[in-house]
């Protein structure tokens, strides 16, 4: 049977944590690893979806680029507003109905 004294309980808790071999912060380390992984994933998405593409100041400029591409043989492009930079980019993915 264990003691009911607070000091005895604190000693038992400390002994238990010491016996874990440094695992007392395993949840904090895992949470930090997940945050780092999410940040890395978001950065990769931003690079692919925004930073690697030409940015147009307004929709008219983007539509002008679409027309120019069509004149040179590239068809099926359309423009969209970027959620990252609020500029306009071109894509060949099918246009969503909005």
PDB file of N, CA and C in Angstrom:
ATOM      1  N   UNK A   1       0.832  -1.170   0.000  1.00  0.00           N
ATOM      2  CA  UNK A   1       0.000   0.000   0.000  1.00  0.00           C
ATOM      3  C   UNK A   1       0.884   1.243   0.000  1.00  0.00           C
ATOM      4  N   UNK A   2       0.481   2.246  -0.770  1.00  0.00           N
ATOM      5  CA  UNK A   2       1.280   3.456  -0.884  1.00  0.00           C
ATOM      6  C   UNK A   2       0.871   4.470   0.175  1.00  0.00           C
ATOM      7  N   UNK A   3       1.779   5.394   0.434  1.00  0.00           N
ATOM      8  CA  UNK A   3       1.550   6.439   1.427  1.00  0.00           C
ATOM      9  C   UNK A   3       0.601   7.486   0.871  1.00  0.00           C
ATOM     10  N   UNK A   4      -0.129   8.159   1.754  1.00  0.00           N
ATOM     11  CA  UNK A   4      -1.061   9.208   1.335  1.00  0.00           C
ATOM     12  C   UNK A   4      -0.452  10.597   1.502  1.00  0.00           C
ATOM     13  N   UNK A   5       0.763  10.675   2.008  1.00  0.00           N
ATOM     14  CA  UNK A   5       1.409  11.969   2.201  1.00  0.00           C
ATOM     15  C   UNK A   5       1.815  12.551   0.864  1.00  0.00           C
ATOM     16  N   UNK A   6       1.684  13.878   0.736  1.00  0.00           N
ATOM     17  CA  UNK A   6       2.030  14.551  -0.518  1.00  0.00           C
ATOM     18  C   UNK A   6       3.507  14.417  -0.826  1.00  0.00           C
ATOM     19  N   UNK A   7       4.350  14.519   0.181  1.00  0.00           N
ATOM     20  CA  UNK A   7       5.793  14.428  -0.075  1.00  0.00           C
ATOM     21  C   UNK A   7       6.161  13.035  -0.560  1.00  0.00           C
ATOM     22  N   UNK A   8       5.510  12.016  -0.018  1.00  0.00           N
ATOM     23  CA  UNK A   8       5.784  10.648  -0.454  1.00  0.00           C
ATOM     24  C   UNK A   8       5.299  10.453  -1.889  1.00  0.00           C
ATOM     25  N   UNK A   9       4.146  11.014  -2.207  1.00  0.00           N
ATOM     26  CA  UNK A   9       3.598  10.924  -3.571  1.00  0.00           C
ATOM     27  C   UNK A   9       4.516  11.646  -4.566  1.00  0.00           C
ATOM     28  N   UNK A  10       5.023  12.806  -4.162  1.00  0.00           N
ATOM     29  CA  UNK A  10       5.936  13.549  -5.036  1.00  0.00           C
ATOM     30  C   UNK A  10       7.204  12.754  -5.288  1.00  0.00           C
ATOM     31  N   UNK A  11       7.734  12.095  -4.264  1.00  0.00           N
ATOM     32  CA  UNK A  11       8.930  11.266  -4.417  1.00  0.00           C
ATOM     33  C   UNK A  11       8.651  10.094  -5.353  1.00  0.00           C
ATOM     34  N   UNK A  12       7.488   9.469  -5.183  1.00  0.00           N
ATOM     35  CA  UNK A  12       7.128   8.346  -6.047  1.00  0.00           C
ATOM     36  C   UNK A  12       6.977   8.809  -7.509  1.00  0.00           C
ATOM     37  N   UNK A  13       6.364   9.974  -7.699  1.00  0.00           N
ATOM     38  CA  UNK A  13       6.184  10.513  -9.048  1.00  0.00           C
ATOM     39  C   UNK A  13       7.537  10.820  -9.681  1.00  0.00           C
ATOM     40  N   UNK A  14       8.434  11.435  -8.909  1.00  0.00           N
ATOM     41  CA  UNK A  14       9.763  11.746  -9.416  1.00  0.00           C
ATOM     42  C   UNK A  14      10.531  10.473  -9.759  1.00  0.00           C
ATOM     43  N   UNK A  15      10.404   9.455  -8.908  1.00  0.00           N
ATOM     44  CA  UNK A  15      11.091   8.187  -9.170  1.00  0.00           C
ATOM     45  C   UNK A  15      10.534   7.525 -10.432  1.00  0.00           C
ATOM     46  N   UNK A  16       9.216   7.614 -10.608  1.00  0.00           N
ATOM     47  CA  UNK A  16       8.595   7.041 -11.797  1.00  0.00           C
ATOM     48  C   UNK A  16       9.087   7.748 -13.062  1.00  0.00           C
ATOM     49  N   UNK A  17       9.105   9.092 -13.031  1.00  0.00           N
ATOM     50  CA  UNK A  17       9.555   9.860 -14.193  1.00  0.00           C
ATOM     51  C   UNK A  17      11.026   9.593 -14.492  1.00  0.00           C
ATOM     52  N   UNK A  18      11.828   9.459 -13.441  1.00  0.00           N
ATOM     53  CA  UNK A  18      13.251   9.166 -13.641  1.00  0.00           C
ATOM     54  C   UNK A  18      13.427   7.792 -14.281  1.00  0.00           C
ATOM     55  N   UNK A  19      12.549   6.860 -13.948  1.00  0.00           N
ATOM     56  CA  UNK A  19      12.624   5.518 -14.507  1.00  0.00           C
ATOM     57  C   UNK A  19      12.175   5.436 -15.956  1.00  0.00           C
ATOM     58  N   UNK A  20      11.533   6.484 -16.453  1.00  0.00           N
ATOM     59  CA  UNK A  20      11.076   6.488 -17.844  1.00  0.00           C
ATOM     60  C   UNK A  20      12.229   6.661 -18.819  1.00  0.00           C
ATOM     61  N   UNK A  21      13.349   7.110 -18.348  1.00  0.00           N
ATOM     62  CA  UNK A  21      14.489   7.287 -19.238  1.00  0.00           C
ATOM     63  C   UNK A  21      14.323   8.461 -20.179  1.00  0.00           C
ATOM     64  N   UNK A  22      13.761   9.556 -19.701  1.00  0.00           N
ATOM     65  CA  UNK A  22      13.622  10.750 -20.534  1.00  0.00           C
ATOM     66  C   UNK A  22      12.388  10.743 -21.401  1.00  0.00           C
ATOM     67  N   UNK A  23      11.448   9.889 -21.135  1.00  0.00           N
ATOM     68  CA  UNK A  23      10.238   9.821 -21.960  1.00  0.00           C
ATOM     69  C   UNK A  23       9.146  10.748 -21.455  1.00  0.00           C
ATOM     70  N   UNK A  24       9.417  11.509 -20.389  1.00  0.00           N
ATOM     71  CA  UNK A  24       8.375  12.363 -19.839  1.00  0.00           C
ATOM     72  C   UNK A  24       7.984  13.490 -20.796  1.00  0.00           C
ATOM     73  N   UNK A  25       8.841  13.852 -21.733  1.00  0.00           N
ATOM     74  CA  UNK A  25       8.494  14.891 -22.697  1.00  0.00           C
ATOM     75  C   UNK A  25       8.226  14.326 -24.099  1.00  0.00           C
ATOM     76  N   UNK A  26       7.923  13.058 -24.188  1.00  0.00           N
ATOM     77  CA  UNK A  26       7.714  12.426 -25.495  1.00  0.00           C
ATOM     78  C   UNK A  26       6.536  13.054 -26.239  1.00  0.00           C
ATOM     79  N   UNK A  27       5.479  13.434 -25.506  1.00  0.00           N
ATOM     80  CA  UNK A  27       4.321  14.037 -26.164  1.00  0.00           C
ATOM     81  C   UNK A  27       4.652  15.437 -26.674  1.00  0.00           C
ATOM     82  N   UNK A  28       5.426  16.186 -25.914  1.00  0.00           N
ATOM     83  CA  UNK A  28       5.834  17.521 -26.350  1.00  0.00           C
ATOM     84  C   UNK A  28       6.731  17.428 -27.577  1.00  0.00           C
ATOM     85  N   UNK A  29       7.644  16.472 -27.596  1.00  0.00           N
ATOM     86  CA  UNK A  29       8.525  16.296 -28.763  1.00  0.00           C
ATOM     87  C   UNK A  29       7.719  15.888 -29.996  1.00  0.00           C
ATOM     88  N   UNK A  30       6.748  15.007 -29.799  1.00  0.00           N
ATOM     89  CA  UNK A  30       5.918  14.565 -30.926  1.00  0.00           C
ATOM     90  C   UNK A  30       5.083  15.719 -31.463  1.00  0.00           C
ATOM     91  N   UNK A  31       4.536  16.537 -30.582  1.00  0.00           N
ATOM     92  CA  UNK A  31       3.754  17.695 -31.013  1.00  0.00           C
ATOM     93  C   UNK A  31       4.637  18.671 -31.793  1.00  0.00           C
ATOM     94  N   UNK A  32       5.851  18.905 -31.327  1.00  0.00           N
ATOM     95  CA  UNK A  32       6.776  19.795 -32.032  1.00  0.00           C
ATOM     96  C   UNK A  32       7.150  19.209 -33.386  1.00  0.00           C
ATOM     97  N   UNK A  33       7.359  17.900 -33.463  1.00  0.00           N
ATOM     98  CA  UNK A  33       7.679  17.254 -34.730  1.00  0.00           C
ATOM     99  C   UNK A  33       6.530  17.431 -35.725  1.00  0.00           C
ATOM    100  N   UNK A  34       5.303  17.284 -35.239  1.00  0.00           N
ATOM    101  CA  UNK A  34       4.138  17.455 -36.125  1.00  0.00           C
ATOM    102  C   UNK A  34       4.010  18.897 -36.599  1.00  0.00           C
ATOM    103  N   UNK A  35       4.251  19.865 -35.704  1.00  0.00           N
ATOM    104  CA  UNK A  35       4.198  21.271 -36.107  1.00  0.00           C
ATOM    105  C   UNK A  35       5.262  21.573 -37.164  1.00  0.00           C
ATOM    106  N   UNK A  36       6.462  21.049 -36.961  1.00  0.00           N
ATOM    107  CA  UNK A  36       7.534  21.256 -37.933  1.00  0.00           C
ATOM    108  C   UNK A  36       7.186  20.623 -39.277  1.00  0.00           C
ATOM    109  N   UNK A  37       6.624  19.429 -39.231  1.00  0.00           N
ATOM    110  CA  UNK A  37       6.241  18.724 -40.458  1.00  0.00           C
ATOM    111  C   UNK A  37       5.133  19.490 -41.181  1.00  0.00           C
ATOM    112  N   UNK A  38       4.145  19.998 -40.448  1.00  0.00           N
ATOM    113  CA  UNK A  38       3.071  20.776 -41.068  1.00  0.00           C
ATOM    114  C   UNK A  38       3.600  22.053 -41.704  1.00  0.00           C
ATOM    115  N   UNK A  39       4.529  22.725 -41.031  1.00  0.00           N
ATOM    116  CA  UNK A  39       5.109  23.950 -41.575  1.00  0.00           C
ATOM    117  C   UNK A  39       5.893  23.648 -42.856  1.00  0.00           C
ATOM    118  N   UNK A  40       6.631  22.556 -42.861  1.00  0.00           N
ATOM    119  CA  UNK A  40       7.390  22.157 -44.045  1.00  0.00           C
ATOM    120  C   UNK A  40       6.453  21.821 -45.202  1.00  0.00           C
ATOM    121  N   UNK A  41       5.356  21.140 -44.894  1.00  0.00           N
ATOM    122  CA  UNK A  41       4.365  20.779 -45.913  1.00  0.00           C
ATOM    123  C   UNK A  41       3.718  22.041 -46.499  1.00  0.00           C
ATOM    124  N   UNK A  42       3.340  22.983 -45.622  1.00  0.00           N
ATOM    125  CA  UNK A  42       2.736  24.234 -46.099  1.00  0.00           C
ATOM    126  C   UNK A  42       3.704  25.023 -46.980  1.00  0.00           C
ATOM    127  N   UNK A  43       4.979  25.042 -46.600  1.00  0.00           N
ATOM    128  CA  UNK A  43       5.979  25.749 -47.404  1.00  0.00           C
ATOM    129  C   UNK A  43       6.129  25.093 -48.776  1.00  0.00           C
ATOM    130  N   UNK A  44       6.101  23.773 -48.819  1.00  0.00           N
ATOM    131  CA  UNK A  44       6.211  23.065 -50.101  1.00  0.00           C
ATOM    132  C   UNK A  44       4.995  23.351 -50.979  1.00  0.00           C
ATOM    133  N   UNK A  45       3.813  23.384 -50.383  1.00  0.00           N
ATOM    134  CA  UNK A  45       2.606  23.706 -51.152  1.00  0.00           C
ATOM    135  C   UNK A  45       2.674  25.117 -51.702  1.00  0.00           C
ATOM    136  N   UNK A  46       3.137  26.051 -50.881  1.00  0.00           N
ATOM    137  CA  UNK A  46       3.240  27.436 -51.329  1.00  0.00           C
ATOM    138  C   UNK A  46       4.229  27.563 -52.488  1.00  0.00           C
ATOM    139  N   UNK A  47       5.382  26.865 -52.376  1.00  0.00           N
ATOM    140  CA  UNK A  47       6.362  26.905 -53.469  1.00  0.00           C
ATOM    141  C   UNK A  47       5.747  26.387 -54.765  1.00  0.00           C
ATOM    142  N   UNK A  48       5.043  25.265 -54.669  1.00  0.00           N
ATOM    143  CA  UNK A  48       4.481  24.642 -55.865  1.00  0.00           C
ATOM    144  C   UNK A  48       3.313  25.449 -56.427  1.00  0.00           C
ATOM    145  N   UNK A  49       2.443  25.935 -55.552  1.00  0.00           N
ATOM    146  CA  UNK A  49       1.217  26.578 -56.000  1.00  0.00           C
ATOM    147  C   UNK A  49       1.392  28.055 -56.339  1.00  0.00           C
ATOM    148  N   UNK A  50       2.423  28.700 -55.802  1.00  0.00           N
ATOM    149  CA  UNK A  50       2.527  30.143 -55.983  1.00  0.00           C
ATOM    150  C   UNK A  50       3.906  30.601 -56.437  1.00  0.00           C
ATOM    151  N   UNK A  51       4.918  30.305 -55.645  1.00  0.00           N
ATOM    152  CA  UNK A  51       6.230  30.907 -55.853  1.00  0.00           C
ATOM    153  C   UNK A  51       6.918  30.448 -57.128  1.00  0.00           C
ATOM    154  N   UNK A  52       6.547  29.288 -57.656  1.00  0.00           N
ATOM    155  CA  UNK A  52       7.184  28.793 -58.881  1.00  0.00           C
ATOM    156  C   UNK A  52       6.440  29.245 -60.144  1.00  0.00           C
ATOM    157  N   UNK A  53       5.383  30.036 -59.983  1.00  0.00           N
ATOM    158  CA  UNK A  53       4.570  30.455 -61.127  1.00  0.00           C
ATOM    159  C   UNK A  53       4.688  31.954 -61.372  1.00  0.00           C
ATOM    160  N   UNK A  54       4.362  32.346 -62.583  1.00  0.00           N
ATOM    161  CA  UNK A  54       4.300  33.772 -62.903  1.00  0.00           C
ATOM    162  C   UNK A  54       3.096  34.380 -62.199  1.00  0.00           C
ATOM    163  N   UNK A  55       3.286  35.558 -61.641  1.00  0.00           N
ATOM    164  CA  UNK A  55       2.204  36.246 -60.941  1.00  0.00           C
ATOM    165  C   UNK A  55       1.746  37.420 -61.794  1.00  0.00           C
ATOM    166  N   UNK A  56       0.431  37.530 -61.944  1.00  0.00           N
ATOM    167  CA  UNK A  56      -0.151  38.637 -62.684  1.00  0.00           C
ATOM    168  C   UNK A  56      -0.880  39.539 -61.694  1.00  0.00           C
ATOM    169  N   UNK A  57      -0.770  40.834 -61.932  1.00  0.00           N
ATOM    170  CA  UNK A  57      -1.285  41.838 -61.012  1.00  0.00           C
ATOM    171  C   UNK A  57      -2.812  41.830 -60.935  1.00  0.00           C
ATOM    172  N   UNK A  58      -3.461  41.598 -62.062  1.00  0.00           N
ATOM    173  CA  UNK A  58      -4.923  41.607 -62.080  1.00  0.00           C
ATOM    174  C   UNK A  58      -5.424  40.525 -63.040  1.00  0.00           C
ATOM    175  N   UNK A  59      -6.710  40.284 -62.985  1.00  0.00           N
ATOM    176  CA  UNK A  59      -7.303  39.237 -63.822  1.00  0.00           C
ATOM    177  C   UNK A  59      -7.151  39.563 -65.312  1.00  0.00           C
ATOM    178  N   UNK A  60      -7.259  40.834 -65.642  1.00  0.00           N
ATOM    179  CA  UNK A  60      -7.142  41.231 -67.051  1.00  0.00           C
ATOM    180  C   UNK A  60      -5.761  40.871 -67.598  1.00  0.00           C
ATOM    181  N   UNK A  61      -4.712  41.103 -66.800  1.00  0.00           N
ATOM    182  CA  UNK A  61      -3.359  40.740 -67.244  1.00  0.00           C
ATOM    183  C   UNK A  61      -3.236  39.229 -67.429  1.00  0.00           C
ATOM    184  N   UNK A  62      -3.827  38.474 -66.523  1.00  0.00           N
ATOM    185  CA  UNK A  62      -3.766  37.010 -66.616  1.00  0.00           C
ATOM    186  C   UNK A  62      -4.533  36.516 -67.838  1.00  0.00           C
ATOM    187  N   UNK A  63      -5.688  37.087 -68.091  1.00  0.00           N
ATOM    188  CA  UNK A  63      -6.486  36.689 -69.263  1.00  0.00           C
ATOM    189  C   UNK A  63      -5.775  37.065 -70.560  1.00  0.00           C
ATOM    190  N   UNK A  64      -5.045  38.170 -70.539  1.00  0.00           N
ATOM    191  CA  UNK A  64      -4.249  38.559 -71.704  1.00  0.00           C
ATOM    192  C   UNK A  64      -3.153  37.519 -71.964  1.00  0.00           C
ATOM    193  N   UNK A  65      -2.551  37.009 -70.896  1.00  0.00           N
ATOM    194  CA  UNK A  65      -1.534  35.963 -71.029  1.00  0.00           C
ATOM    195  C   UNK A  65      -2.154  34.666 -71.561  1.00  0.00           C
ATOM    196  N   UNK A  66      -3.372  34.345 -71.111  1.00  0.00           N
ATOM    197  CA  UNK A  66      -4.066  33.155 -71.608  1.00  0.00           C
ATOM    198  C   UNK A  66      -4.297  33.296 -73.114  1.00  0.00           C
ATOM    199  N   UNK A  67      -4.743  34.464 -73.546  1.00  0.00           N
ATOM    200  CA  UNK A  67      -4.996  34.702 -74.974  1.00  0.00           C
ATOM    201  C   UNK A  67      -3.699  34.613 -75.773  1.00  0.00           C
ATOM    202  N   UNK A  68      -2.621  35.155 -75.224  1.00  0.00           N
ATOM    203  CA  UNK A  68      -1.321  35.094 -75.906  1.00  0.00           C
ATOM    204  C   UNK A  68      -0.845  33.650 -76.042  1.00  0.00           C
ATOM    205  N   UNK A  69      -1.027  32.863 -74.987  1.00  0.00           N
ATOM    206  CA  UNK A  69      -0.645  31.446 -75.051  1.00  0.00           C
ATOM    207  C   UNK A  69      -1.481  30.703 -76.090  1.00  0.00           C
ATOM    208  N   UNK A  70      -2.774  31.036 -76.163  1.00  0.00           N
ATOM    209  CA  UNK A  70      -3.654  30.384 -77.139  1.00  0.00           C
ATOM    210  C   UNK A  70      -3.220  30.706 -78.563  1.00  0.00           C
ATOM    211  N   UNK A  71      -2.754  31.933 -78.778  1.00  0.00           N
ATOM    212  CA  UNK A  71      -2.274  32.317 -80.114  1.00  0.00           C
ATOM    213  C   UNK A  71      -1.032  31.518 -80.509  1.00  0.00           C
ATOM    214  N   UNK A  72      -0.252  31.100 -79.504  1.00  0.00           N
ATOM    215  CA  UNK A  72       0.973  30.354 -79.779  1.00  0.00           C
ATOM    216  C   UNK A  72       0.777  28.842 -79.643  1.00  0.00           C
ATOM    217  N   UNK A  73      -0.472  28.394 -79.517  1.00  0.00           N
ATOM    218  CA  UNK A  73      -0.758  26.966 -79.555  1.00  0.00           C
ATOM    219  C   UNK A  73      -1.063  26.290 -78.227  1.00  0.00           C
ATOM    220  N   UNK A  74      -0.951  26.989 -77.133  1.00  0.00           N
ATOM    221  CA  UNK A  74      -1.260  26.382 -75.828  1.00  0.00           C
ATOM    222  C   UNK A  74      -2.702  26.711 -75.475  1.00  0.00           C
ATOM    223  N   UNK A  75      -3.543  25.710 -75.549  1.00  0.00           N
ATOM    224  CA  UNK A  75      -4.972  25.924 -75.273  1.00  0.00           C
ATOM    225  C   UNK A  75      -5.357  25.269 -73.955  1.00  0.00           C
ATOM    226  N   UNK A  76      -6.503  25.654 -73.439  1.00  0.00           N
ATOM    227  CA  UNK A  76      -7.023  25.050 -72.214  1.00  0.00           C
ATOM    228  C   UNK A  76      -6.534  25.697 -70.932  1.00  0.00           C
ATOM    229  N   UNK A  77      -5.891  26.856 -71.032  1.00  0.00           N
ATOM    230  CA  UNK A  77      -5.441  27.550 -69.829  1.00  0.00           C
ATOM    231  C   UNK A  77      -6.540  28.463 -69.309  1.00  0.00           C
ATOM    232  N   UNK A  78      -6.551  28.671 -68.026  1.00  0.00           N
ATOM    233  CA  UNK A  78      -7.416  29.693 -67.438  1.00  0.00           C
ATOM    234  C   UNK A  78      -6.701  30.291 -66.229  1.00  0.00           C
ATOM    235  N   UNK A  79      -7.214  31.419 -65.788  1.00  0.00           N
ATOM    236  CA  UNK A  79      -6.579  32.125 -64.672  1.00  0.00           C
ATOM    237  C   UNK A  79      -7.362  31.875 -63.385  1.00  0.00           C
ATOM    238  N   UNK A  80      -6.674  32.055 -62.267  1.00  0.00           N
ATOM    239  CA  UNK A  80      -7.323  31.915 -60.960  1.00  0.00           C
ATOM    240  C   UNK A  80      -6.612  32.807 -59.955  1.00  0.00           C
ATOM    241  N   UNK A  81      -7.339  33.214 -58.948  1.00  0.00           N
ATOM    242  CA  UNK A  81      -6.760  34.028 -57.880  1.00  0.00           C
ATOM    243  C   UNK A  81      -6.030  33.119 -56.913  1.00  0.00           C
ATOM    244  N   UNK A  82      -4.813  33.492 -56.589  1.00  0.00           N
ATOM    245  CA  UNK A  82      -3.965  32.692 -55.704  1.00  0.00           C
ATOM    246  C   UNK A  82      -4.335  32.955 -54.238  1.00  0.00           C
ATOM    247  N   UNK A  83      -4.554  31.904 -53.457  1.00  0.00           N
ATOM    248  CA  UNK A  83      -4.880  32.101 -52.036  1.00  0.00           C
ATOM    249  C   UNK A  83      -3.673  32.530 -51.203  1.00  0.00           C
ATOM    250  N   UNK A  84      -2.472  32.382 -51.745  1.00  0.00           N
ATOM    251  CA  UNK A  84      -1.270  32.737 -50.994  1.00  0.00           C
ATOM    252  C   UNK A  84      -0.873  34.199 -51.183  1.00  0.00           C
ATOM    253  N   UNK A  85      -0.848  34.665 -52.433  1.00  0.00           N
ATOM    254  CA  UNK A  85      -0.339  36.018 -52.705  1.00  0.00           C
ATOM    255  C   UNK A  85      -1.437  36.982 -53.162  1.00  0.00           C
ATOM    256  N   UNK A  86      -2.646  36.492 -53.387  1.00  0.00           N
ATOM    257  CA  UNK A  86      -3.780  37.268 -53.901  1.00  0.00           C
ATOM    258  C   UNK A  86      -3.519  37.839 -55.291  1.00  0.00           C
ATOM    259  N   UNK A  87      -2.486  37.325 -55.951  1.00  0.00           N
ATOM    260  CA  UNK A  87      -2.256  37.671 -57.348  1.00  0.00           C
ATOM    261  C   UNK A  87      -3.026  36.692 -58.223  1.00  0.00           C
ATOM    262  N   UNK A  88      -2.698  36.684 -59.495  1.00  0.00           N
ATOM    263  CA  UNK A  88      -3.359  35.782 -60.443  1.00  0.00           C
ATOM    264  C   UNK A  88      -2.315  34.898 -61.097  1.00  0.00           C
ATOM    265  N   UNK A  89      -2.643  33.633 -61.277  1.00  0.00           N
ATOM    266  CA  UNK A  89      -1.765  32.660 -61.934  1.00  0.00           C
ATOM    267  C   UNK A  89      -2.554  31.956 -63.029  1.00  0.00           C
ATOM    268  N   UNK A  90      -1.837  31.215 -63.861  1.00  0.00           N
ATOM    269  CA  UNK A  90      -2.472  30.422 -64.916  1.00  0.00           C
ATOM    270  C   UNK A  90      -2.355  28.955 -64.561  1.00  0.00           C
ATOM    271  N   UNK A  91      -3.360  28.195 -64.997  1.00  0.00           N
ATOM    272  CA  UNK A  91      -3.320  26.752 -64.805  1.00  0.00           C
ATOM    273  C   UNK A  91      -3.997  26.052 -65.971  1.00  0.00           C
ATOM    274  N   UNK A  92      -3.640  24.794 -66.157  1.00  0.00           N
ATOM    275  CA  UNK A  92      -4.289  24.002 -67.193  1.00  0.00           C
ATOM    276  C   UNK A  92      -5.273  23.005 -66.588  1.00  0.00           C
ATOM    277  N   UNK A  93      -5.407  23.031 -65.268  1.00  0.00           N
ATOM    278  CA  UNK A  93      -6.383  22.144 -64.631  1.00  0.00           C
ATOM    279  C   UNK A  93      -7.780  22.571 -65.011  1.00  0.00           C
ATOM    280  N   UNK A  94      -8.717  21.612 -65.058  1.00  0.00           N
ATOM    281  CA  UNK A  94     -10.091  21.972 -65.401  1.00  0.00           C
ATOM    282  C   UNK A  94     -10.646  23.024 -64.444  1.00  0.00           C
ATOM    283  N   UNK A  95     -11.383  23.955 -64.997  1.00  0.00           N
ATOM    284  CA  UNK A  95     -11.925  25.043 -64.191  1.00  0.00           C
ATOM    285  C   UNK A  95     -13.102  24.550 -63.372  1.00  0.00           C
ATOM    286  N   UNK A  96     -13.114  24.960 -62.102  1.00  0.00           N
ATOM    287  CA  UNK A  96     -14.228  24.581 -61.211  1.00  0.00           C
ATOM    288  C   UNK A  96     -15.386  25.537 -61.429  1.00  0.00           C
ATOM    289  N   UNK A  97     -16.606  25.013 -61.304  1.00  0.00           N
ATOM    290  CA  UNK A  97     -17.784  25.869 -61.373  1.00  0.00           C
ATOM    291  C   UNK A  97     -17.940  26.564 -60.031  1.00  0.00           C
ATOM    292  N   UNK A  98     -18.035  27.859 -60.048  1.00  0.00           N
ATOM    293  CA  UNK A  98     -18.138  28.612 -58.797  1.00  0.00           C
ATOM    294  C   UNK A  98     -19.448  29.317 -58.691  1.00  0.00           C
TER     295      UNK A  98
END
